[in-house]
Amino acid sequence: MTGNSRSVSGEVNGLVRRYDYEDGAVVVADVGPADGHAEVVDGTAVVVADGDQQEFDVPAGASRAVMNNGIVTIEMEDSA
């Protein structure tokens, strides 16, 4: 596993990390303390929390997004 982190102030006001595995990758974004849900739609993660909606681009192969306590996890399958 390798991990990369960066702050994305234009899309997500918090820390974003990507973890690469042999069979895919996971992107984890901290969107702040909130209750809500997330989903991937046409290359965009849609996060609805506390009545607000945020959208941000996700890498190719993103198949599923889950939100738990303000942490959005986006799973990506290896395209090879």
PDB file of N, CA and C in Angstrom:
ATOM      1  N   MET A   1       0.836  -1.170   0.000  1.00  0.00           N
ATOM      2  CA  MET A   1       0.000   0.000   0.000  1.00  0.00           C
ATOM      3  C   MET A   1       0.882   1.234   0.000  1.00  0.00           C
ATOM      4  N   THR A   2       0.516   2.183  -0.803  1.00  0.00           N
ATOM      5  CA  THR A   2       1.178   3.475  -0.770  1.00  0.00           C
ATOM      6  C   THR A   2       0.130   4.532  -0.487  1.00  0.00           C
ATOM      7  N   GLY A   3       0.521   5.594   0.151  1.00  0.00           N
ATOM      8  CA  GLY A   3      -0.435   6.641   0.480  1.00  0.00           C
ATOM      9  C   GLY A   3       0.077   7.995   0.049  1.00  0.00           C
ATOM     10  N   ASN A   4      -0.822   8.822  -0.427  1.00  0.00           N
ATOM     11  CA  ASN A   4      -0.520  10.190  -0.807  1.00  0.00           C
ATOM     12  C   ASN A   4      -1.544  11.078  -0.128  1.00  0.00           C
ATOM     13  N   SER A   5      -1.144  12.260   0.300  1.00  0.00           N
ATOM     14  CA  SER A   5      -2.115  13.176   0.887  1.00  0.00           C
ATOM     15  C   SER A   5      -1.924  14.561   0.308  1.00  0.00           C
ATOM     16  N   ARG A   6      -3.022  15.310   0.276  1.00  0.00           N
ATOM     17  CA  ARG A   6      -2.958  16.685  -0.201  1.00  0.00           C
ATOM     18  C   ARG A   6      -4.173  17.415   0.329  1.00  0.00           C
ATOM     19  N   SER A   7      -4.079  18.708   0.429  1.00  0.00           N
ATOM     20  CA  SER A   7      -5.209  19.528   0.807  1.00  0.00           C
ATOM     21  C   SER A   7      -5.840  20.044  -0.472  1.00  0.00           C
ATOM     22  N   VAL A   8      -7.136  19.955  -0.545  1.00  0.00           N
ATOM     23  CA  VAL A   8      -7.842  20.367  -1.754  1.00  0.00           C
ATOM     24  C   VAL A   8      -8.807  21.477  -1.363  1.00  0.00           C
ATOM     25  N   SER A   9      -8.338  22.697  -1.360  1.00  0.00           N
ATOM     26  CA  SER A   9      -9.171  23.798  -0.895  1.00  0.00           C
ATOM     27  C   SER A   9     -10.235  24.197  -1.900  1.00  0.00           C
ATOM     28  N   GLY A  10     -10.013  23.948  -3.177  1.00  0.00           N
ATOM     29  CA  GLY A  10     -10.991  24.336  -4.184  1.00  0.00           C
ATOM     30  C   GLY A  10     -12.168  23.392  -4.272  1.00  0.00           C
ATOM     31  N   GLU A  11     -11.965  22.133  -3.927  1.00  0.00           N
ATOM     32  CA  GLU A  11     -13.040  21.153  -4.061  1.00  0.00           C
ATOM     33  C   GLU A  11     -13.512  20.629  -2.714  1.00  0.00           C
ATOM     34  N   VAL A  12     -12.589  20.291  -1.830  1.00  0.00           N
ATOM     35  CA  VAL A  12     -12.928  19.746  -0.524  1.00  0.00           C
ATOM     36  C   VAL A  12     -12.137  20.531   0.503  1.00  0.00           C
ATOM     37  N   ASN A  13     -12.808  21.082   1.493  1.00  0.00           N
ATOM     38  CA  ASN A  13     -12.122  21.840   2.536  1.00  0.00           C
ATOM     39  C   ASN A  13     -11.658  20.883   3.621  1.00  0.00           C
ATOM     40  N   GLY A  14     -10.644  20.112   3.334  1.00  0.00           N
ATOM     41  CA  GLY A  14     -10.127  19.156   4.296  1.00  0.00           C
ATOM     42  C   GLY A  14      -9.048  18.311   3.655  1.00  0.00           C
ATOM     43  N   LEU A  15      -8.600  17.332   4.384  1.00  0.00           N
ATOM     44  CA  LEU A  15      -7.530  16.466   3.929  1.00  0.00           C
ATOM     45  C   LEU A  15      -8.069  15.374   3.011  1.00  0.00           C
ATOM     46  N   VAL A  16      -7.339  15.109   1.933  1.00  0.00           N
ATOM     47  CA  VAL A  16      -7.688  14.036   1.009  1.00  0.00           C
ATOM     48  C   VAL A  16      -6.481  13.118   0.895  1.00  0.00           C
ATOM     49  N   ARG A  17      -6.715  11.815   1.031  1.00  0.00           N
ATOM     50  CA  ARG A  17      -5.625  10.847   0.885  1.00  0.00           C
ATOM     51  C   ARG A  17      -6.037   9.763  -0.090  1.00  0.00           C
ATOM     52  N   ARG A  18      -5.042   9.273  -0.811  1.00  0.00           N
ATOM     53  CA  ARG A  18      -5.268   8.162  -1.741  1.00  0.00           C
ATOM     54  C   ARG A  18      -4.354   7.016  -1.319  1.00  0.00           C
ATOM     55  N   TYR A  19      -4.946   5.829  -1.229  1.00  0.00           N
ATOM     56  CA  TYR A  19      -4.202   4.620  -0.880  1.00  0.00           C
ATOM     57  C   TYR A  19      -4.286   3.659  -2.058  1.00  0.00           C
ATOM     58  N   ASP A  20      -3.135   3.265  -2.607  1.00  0.00           N
ATOM     59  CA  ASP A  20      -3.091   2.362  -3.754  1.00  0.00           C
ATOM     60  C   ASP A  20      -2.783   0.941  -3.288  1.00  0.00           C
ATOM     61  N   TYR A  21      -3.559  -0.005  -3.796  1.00  0.00           N
ATOM     62  CA  TYR A  21      -3.387  -1.426  -3.504  1.00  0.00           C
ATOM     63  C   TYR A  21      -3.188  -2.156  -4.824  1.00  0.00           C
ATOM     64  N   GLU A  22      -2.867  -3.436  -4.773  1.00  0.00           N
ATOM     65  CA  GLU A  22      -2.662  -4.216  -5.999  1.00  0.00           C
ATOM     66  C   GLU A  22      -3.920  -4.301  -6.855  1.00  0.00           C
ATOM     67  N   ASP A  23      -5.092  -4.380  -6.239  1.00  0.00           N
ATOM     68  CA  ASP A  23      -6.333  -4.574  -6.991  1.00  0.00           C
ATOM     69  C   ASP A  23      -7.199  -3.320  -7.104  1.00  0.00           C
ATOM     70  N   GLY A  24      -6.662  -2.176  -6.716  1.00  0.00           N
ATOM     71  CA  GLY A  24      -7.433  -0.948  -6.823  1.00  0.00           C
ATOM     72  C   GLY A  24      -6.892   0.127  -5.914  1.00  0.00           C
ATOM     73  N   ALA A  25      -7.712   1.116  -5.630  1.00  0.00           N
ATOM     74  CA  ALA A  25      -7.293   2.233  -4.789  1.00  0.00           C
ATOM     75  C   ALA A  25      -8.499   2.752  -4.008  1.00  0.00           C
ATOM     76  N   VAL A  26      -8.193   3.507  -2.968  1.00  0.00           N
ATOM     77  CA  VAL A  26      -9.232   4.134  -2.149  1.00  0.00           C
ATOM     78  C   VAL A  26      -8.830   5.583  -1.948  1.00  0.00           C
ATOM     79  N   VAL A  27      -9.774   6.495  -2.146  1.00  0.00           N
ATOM     80  CA  VAL A  27      -9.574   7.902  -1.837  1.00  0.00           C
ATOM     81  C   VAL A  27     -10.429   8.209  -0.618  1.00  0.00           C
ATOM     82  N   VAL A  28      -9.817   8.856   0.380  1.00  0.00           N
ATOM     83  CA  VAL A  28     -10.521   9.204   1.609  1.00  0.00           C
ATOM     84  C   VAL A  28     -10.463  10.718   1.766  1.00  0.00           C
ATOM     85  N   ALA A  29     -11.629  11.348   1.948  1.00  0.00           N
ATOM     86  CA  ALA A  29     -11.710  12.802   2.091  1.00  0.00           C
ATOM     87  C   ALA A  29     -12.446  13.153   3.372  1.00  0.00           C
ATOM     88  N   ASP A  30     -11.888  14.075   4.132  1.00  0.00           N
ATOM     89  CA  ASP A  30     -12.523  14.568   5.344  1.00  0.00           C
ATOM     90  C   ASP A  30     -13.292  15.835   4.983  1.00  0.00           C
ATOM     91  N   VAL A  31     -14.626  15.764   4.994  1.00  0.00           N
ATOM     92  CA  VAL A  31     -15.442  16.923   4.627  1.00  0.00           C
ATOM     93  C   VAL A  31     -15.963  17.658   5.851  1.00  0.00           C
ATOM     94  N   GLY A  32     -15.483  17.281   7.019  1.00  0.00           N
ATOM     95  CA  GLY A  32     -15.879  17.961   8.245  1.00  0.00           C
ATOM     96  C   GLY A  32     -16.948  17.198   8.995  1.00  0.00           C
ATOM     97  N   PRO A  33     -17.233  17.617  10.209  1.00  0.00           N
ATOM     98  CA  PRO A  33     -18.215  16.908  11.039  1.00  0.00           C
ATOM     99  C   PRO A  33     -19.624  17.090  10.489  1.00  0.00           C
ATOM    100  N   ALA A  34     -20.172  16.022   9.929  1.00  0.00           N
ATOM    101  CA  ALA A  34     -21.496  16.111   9.319  1.00  0.00           C
ATOM    102  C   ALA A  34     -22.100  14.728   9.166  1.00  0.00           C
ATOM    103  N   ASP A  35     -23.416  14.688   9.128  1.00  0.00           N
ATOM    104  CA  ASP A  35     -24.133  13.462   8.805  1.00  0.00           C
ATOM    105  C   ASP A  35     -24.646  13.605   7.381  1.00  0.00           C
ATOM    106  N   GLY A  36     -24.568  12.541   6.609  1.00  0.00           N
ATOM    107  CA  GLY A  36     -25.052  12.611   5.243  1.00  0.00           C
ATOM    108  C   GLY A  36     -24.750  11.354   4.480  1.00  0.00           C
ATOM    109  N   HIS A  37     -24.694  11.479   3.159  1.00  0.00           N
ATOM    110  CA  HIS A  37     -24.391  10.327   2.309  1.00  0.00           C
ATOM    111  C   HIS A  37     -23.596  10.791   1.092  1.00  0.00           C
ATOM    112  N   ALA A  38     -22.991   9.805   0.424  1.00  0.00           N
ATOM    113  CA  ALA A  38     -22.170  10.100  -0.751  1.00  0.00           C
ATOM    114  C   ALA A  38     -22.415   9.041  -1.807  1.00  0.00           C
ATOM    115  N   GLU A  39     -22.238   9.437  -3.067  1.00  0.00           N
ATOM    116  CA  GLU A  39     -22.337   8.500  -4.175  1.00  0.00           C
ATOM    117  C   GLU A  39     -21.490   9.001  -5.335  1.00  0.00           C
ATOM    118  N   VAL A  40     -21.149   8.084  -6.236  1.00  0.00           N
ATOM    119  CA  VAL A  40     -20.386   8.427  -7.434  1.00  0.00           C
ATOM    120  C   VAL A  40     -21.337   8.441  -8.619  1.00  0.00           C
ATOM    121  N   VAL A  41     -21.344   9.556  -9.361  1.00  0.00           N
ATOM    122  CA  VAL A  41     -22.198   9.709 -10.536  1.00  0.00           C
ATOM    123  C   VAL A  41     -21.341  10.272 -11.665  1.00  0.00           C
ATOM    124  N   ASP A  42     -21.111   9.483 -12.705  1.00  0.00           N
ATOM    125  CA  ASP A  42     -20.388   9.932 -13.905  1.00  0.00           C
ATOM    126  C   ASP A  42     -19.070  10.655 -13.588  1.00  0.00           C
ATOM    127  N   GLY A  43     -18.215  10.036 -12.788  1.00  0.00           N
ATOM    128  CA  GLY A  43     -16.912  10.607 -12.499  1.00  0.00           C
ATOM    129  C   GLY A  43     -16.904  11.734 -11.491  1.00  0.00           C
ATOM    130  N   THR A  44     -18.030  11.917 -10.793  1.00  0.00           N
ATOM    131  CA  THR A  44     -18.149  12.957  -9.784  1.00  0.00           C
ATOM    132  C   THR A  44     -18.658  12.356  -8.491  1.00  0.00           C
ATOM    133  N   ALA A  45     -18.017  12.691  -7.377  1.00  0.00           N
ATOM    134  CA  ALA A  45     -18.534  12.288  -6.072  1.00  0.00           C
ATOM    135  C   ALA A  45     -19.524  13.360  -5.638  1.00  0.00           C
ATOM    136  N   VAL A  46     -20.713  12.935  -5.280  1.00  0.00           N
ATOM    137  CA  VAL A  46     -21.743  13.836  -4.797  1.00  0.00           C
ATOM    138  C   VAL A  46     -21.915  13.549  -3.308  1.00  0.00           C
ATOM    139  N   VAL A  47     -21.668  14.562  -2.491  1.00  0.00           N
ATOM    140  CA  VAL A  47     -21.740  14.422  -1.039  1.00  0.00           C
ATOM    141  C   VAL A  47     -22.824  15.358  -0.538  1.00  0.00           C
ATOM    142  N   VAL A  48     -23.824  14.797   0.136  1.00  0.00           N
ATOM    143  CA  VAL A  48     -24.903  15.587   0.715  1.00  0.00           C
ATOM    144  C   VAL A  48     -24.788  15.442   2.228  1.00  0.00           C
ATOM    145  N   ALA A  49     -24.559  16.572   2.899  1.00  0.00           N
ATOM    146  CA  ALA A  49     -24.365  16.551   4.348  1.00  0.00           C
ATOM    147  C   ALA A  49     -24.994  17.786   4.978  1.00  0.00           C
ATOM    148  N   ASP A  50     -25.791  17.561   6.005  1.00  0.00           N
ATOM    149  CA  ASP A  50     -26.426  18.650   6.746  1.00  0.00           C
ATOM    150  C   ASP A  50     -27.114  19.661   5.834  1.00  0.00           C
ATOM    151  N   GLY A  51     -27.781  19.173   4.794  1.00  0.00           N
ATOM    152  CA  GLY A  51     -28.528  20.041   3.892  1.00  0.00           C
ATOM    153  C   GLY A  51     -27.720  20.702   2.799  1.00  0.00           C
ATOM    154  N   ASP A  52     -26.410  20.518   2.806  1.00  0.00           N
ATOM    155  CA  ASP A  52     -25.550  21.091   1.768  1.00  0.00           C
ATOM    156  C   ASP A  52     -25.060  19.997   0.834  1.00  0.00           C
ATOM    157  N   GLN A  53     -24.861  20.342  -0.423  1.00  0.00           N
ATOM    158  CA  GLN A  53     -24.345  19.398  -1.409  1.00  0.00           C
ATOM    159  C   GLN A  53     -22.998  19.880  -1.919  1.00  0.00           C
ATOM    160  N   GLN A  54     -22.017  18.964  -1.920  1.00  0.00           N
ATOM    161  CA  GLN A  54     -20.700  19.249  -2.482  1.00  0.00           C
ATOM    162  C   GLN A  54     -20.438  18.233  -3.574  1.00  0.00           C
ATOM    163  N   GLU A  55     -19.763  18.665  -4.619  1.00  0.00           N
ATOM    164  CA  GLU A  55     -19.389  17.769  -5.705  1.00  0.00           C
ATOM    165  C   GLU A  55     -17.913  17.946  -6.000  1.00  0.00           C
ATOM    166  N   PHE A  56     -17.213  16.837  -6.260  1.00  0.00           N
ATOM    167  CA  PHE A  56     -15.824  16.926  -6.680  1.00  0.00           C
ATOM    168  C   PHE A  56     -15.486  15.774  -7.598  1.00  0.00           C
ATOM    169  N   ASP A  57     -14.574  16.043  -8.517  1.00  0.00           N
ATOM    170  CA  ASP A  57     -14.155  15.034  -9.488  1.00  0.00           C
ATOM    171  C   ASP A  57     -13.416  13.914  -8.784  1.00  0.00           C
ATOM    172  N   VAL A  58     -13.633  12.691  -9.268  1.00  0.00           N
ATOM    173  CA  VAL A  58     -12.924  11.535  -8.725  1.00  0.00           C
ATOM    174  C   VAL A  58     -12.153  10.855  -9.850  1.00  0.00           C
ATOM    175  N   PRO A  59     -11.107  10.103  -9.510  1.00  0.00           N
ATOM    176  CA  PRO A  59     -10.309   9.428 -10.536  1.00  0.00           C
ATOM    177  C   PRO A  59     -11.134   8.403 -11.319  1.00  0.00           C
ATOM    178  N   ALA A  60     -10.659   8.087 -12.522  1.00  0.00           N
ATOM    179  CA  ALA A  60     -11.311   7.076 -13.349  1.00  0.00           C
ATOM    180  C   ALA A  60     -11.362   5.755 -12.589  1.00  0.00           C
ATOM    181  N   GLY A  61     -12.420   5.023 -12.769  1.00  0.00           N
ATOM    182  CA  GLY A  61     -12.562   3.733 -12.108  1.00  0.00           C
ATOM    183  C   GLY A  61     -13.264   3.798 -10.776  1.00  0.00           C
ATOM    184  N   ALA A  62     -13.651   4.999 -10.332  1.00  0.00           N
ATOM    185  CA  ALA A  62     -14.366   5.120  -9.069  1.00  0.00           C
ATOM    186  C   ALA A  62     -15.708   4.421  -9.196  1.00  0.00           C
ATOM    187  N   SER A  63     -15.975   3.504  -8.258  1.00  0.00           N
ATOM    188  CA  SER A  63     -17.172   2.696  -8.380  1.00  0.00           C
ATOM    189  C   SER A  63     -18.162   2.877  -7.241  1.00  0.00           C
ATOM    190  N   ARG A  64     -17.685   3.357  -6.083  1.00  0.00           N
ATOM    191  CA  ARG A  64     -18.574   3.429  -4.928  1.00  0.00           C
ATOM    192  C   ARG A  64     -18.070   4.487  -3.959  1.00  0.00           C
ATOM    193  N   ALA A  65     -18.999   5.201  -3.335  1.00  0.00           N
ATOM    194  CA  ALA A  65     -18.650   6.183  -2.314  1.00  0.00           C
ATOM    195  C   ALA A  65     -19.514   5.939  -1.082  1.00  0.00           C
ATOM    196  N   VAL A  66     -18.899   6.103   0.084  1.00  0.00           N
ATOM    197  CA  VAL A  66     -19.578   5.914   1.358  1.00  0.00           C
ATOM    198  C   VAL A  66     -19.182   7.062   2.269  1.00  0.00           C
ATOM    199  N   MET A  67     -20.125   7.558   3.056  1.00  0.00           N
ATOM    200  CA  MET A  67     -19.818   8.615   4.019  1.00  0.00           C
ATOM    201  C   MET A  67     -20.152   8.138   5.417  1.00  0.00           C
ATOM    202  N   ASN A  68     -19.215   8.359   6.353  1.00  0.00           N
ATOM    203  CA  ASN A  68     -19.419   7.981   7.740  1.00  0.00           C
ATOM    204  C   ASN A  68     -18.760   9.032   8.625  1.00  0.00           C
ATOM    205  N   ASN A  69     -19.555   9.746   9.417  1.00  0.00           N
ATOM    206  CA  ASN A  69     -19.046  10.775  10.328  1.00  0.00           C
ATOM    207  C   ASN A  69     -18.182  11.822   9.630  1.00  0.00           C
ATOM    208  N   GLY A  70     -18.573  12.261   8.453  1.00  0.00           N
ATOM    209  CA  GLY A  70     -17.848  13.298   7.734  1.00  0.00           C
ATOM    210  C   GLY A  70     -16.652  12.811   6.941  1.00  0.00           C
ATOM    211  N   ILE A  71     -16.426  11.500   6.917  1.00  0.00           N
ATOM    212  CA  ILE A  71     -15.338  10.923   6.140  1.00  0.00           C
ATOM    213  C   ILE A  71     -15.931  10.236   4.916  1.00  0.00           C
ATOM    214  N   VAL A  72     -15.536  10.676   3.733  1.00  0.00           N
ATOM    215  CA  VAL A  72     -16.015  10.083   2.492  1.00  0.00           C
ATOM    216  C   VAL A  72     -14.937   9.134   1.975  1.00  0.00           C
ATOM    217  N   THR A  73     -15.333   7.898   1.714  1.00  0.00           N
ATOM    218  CA  THR A  73     -14.427   6.881   1.173  1.00  0.00           C
ATOM    219  C   THR A  73     -14.904   6.536  -0.220  1.00  0.00           C
ATOM    220  N   ILE A  74     -13.992   6.637  -1.207  1.00  0.00           N
ATOM    221  CA  ILE A  74     -14.325   6.344  -2.593  1.00  0.00           C
ATOM    222  C   ILE A  74     -13.457   5.180  -3.040  1.00  0.00           C
ATOM    223  N   GLU A  75     -14.097   4.102  -3.476  1.00  0.00           N
ATOM    224  CA  GLU A  75     -13.378   2.907  -3.901  1.00  0.00           C
ATOM    225  C   GLU A  75     -13.220   2.907  -5.404  1.00  0.00           C
ATOM    226  N   MET A  76     -12.017   2.511  -5.862  1.00  0.00           N
ATOM    227  CA  MET A  76     -11.729   2.432  -7.279  1.00  0.00           C
ATOM    228  C   MET A  76     -11.141   1.059  -7.591  1.00  0.00           C
ATOM    229  N   GLU A  77     -11.628   0.452  -8.667  1.00  0.00           N
ATOM    230  CA  GLU A  77     -11.114  -0.825  -9.082  1.00  0.00           C
ATOM    231  C   GLU A  77      -9.985  -0.635 -10.068  1.00  0.00           C
ATOM    232  N   ASP A  78      -9.038  -1.569 -10.053  1.00  0.00           N
ATOM    233  CA  ASP A  78      -7.925  -1.520 -11.003  1.00  0.00           C
ATOM    234  C   ASP A  78      -8.463  -1.808 -12.388  1.00  0.00           C
ATOM    235  N   SER A  79      -8.128  -0.952 -13.344  1.00  0.00           N
ATOM    236  CA  SER A  79      -8.639  -1.112 -14.712  1.00  0.00           C
ATOM    237  C   SER A  79      -7.811  -2.045 -15.551  1.00  0.00           C
ATOM    238  N   ALA A  80      -6.715  -2.545 -15.012  1.00  0.00           N
ATOM    239  CA  ALA A  80      -5.841  -3.441 -15.789  1.00  0.00           C
ATOM    240  C   ALA A  80      -6.364  -4.848 -15.820  1.00  0.00           C
TER     241      ALA A  80
END
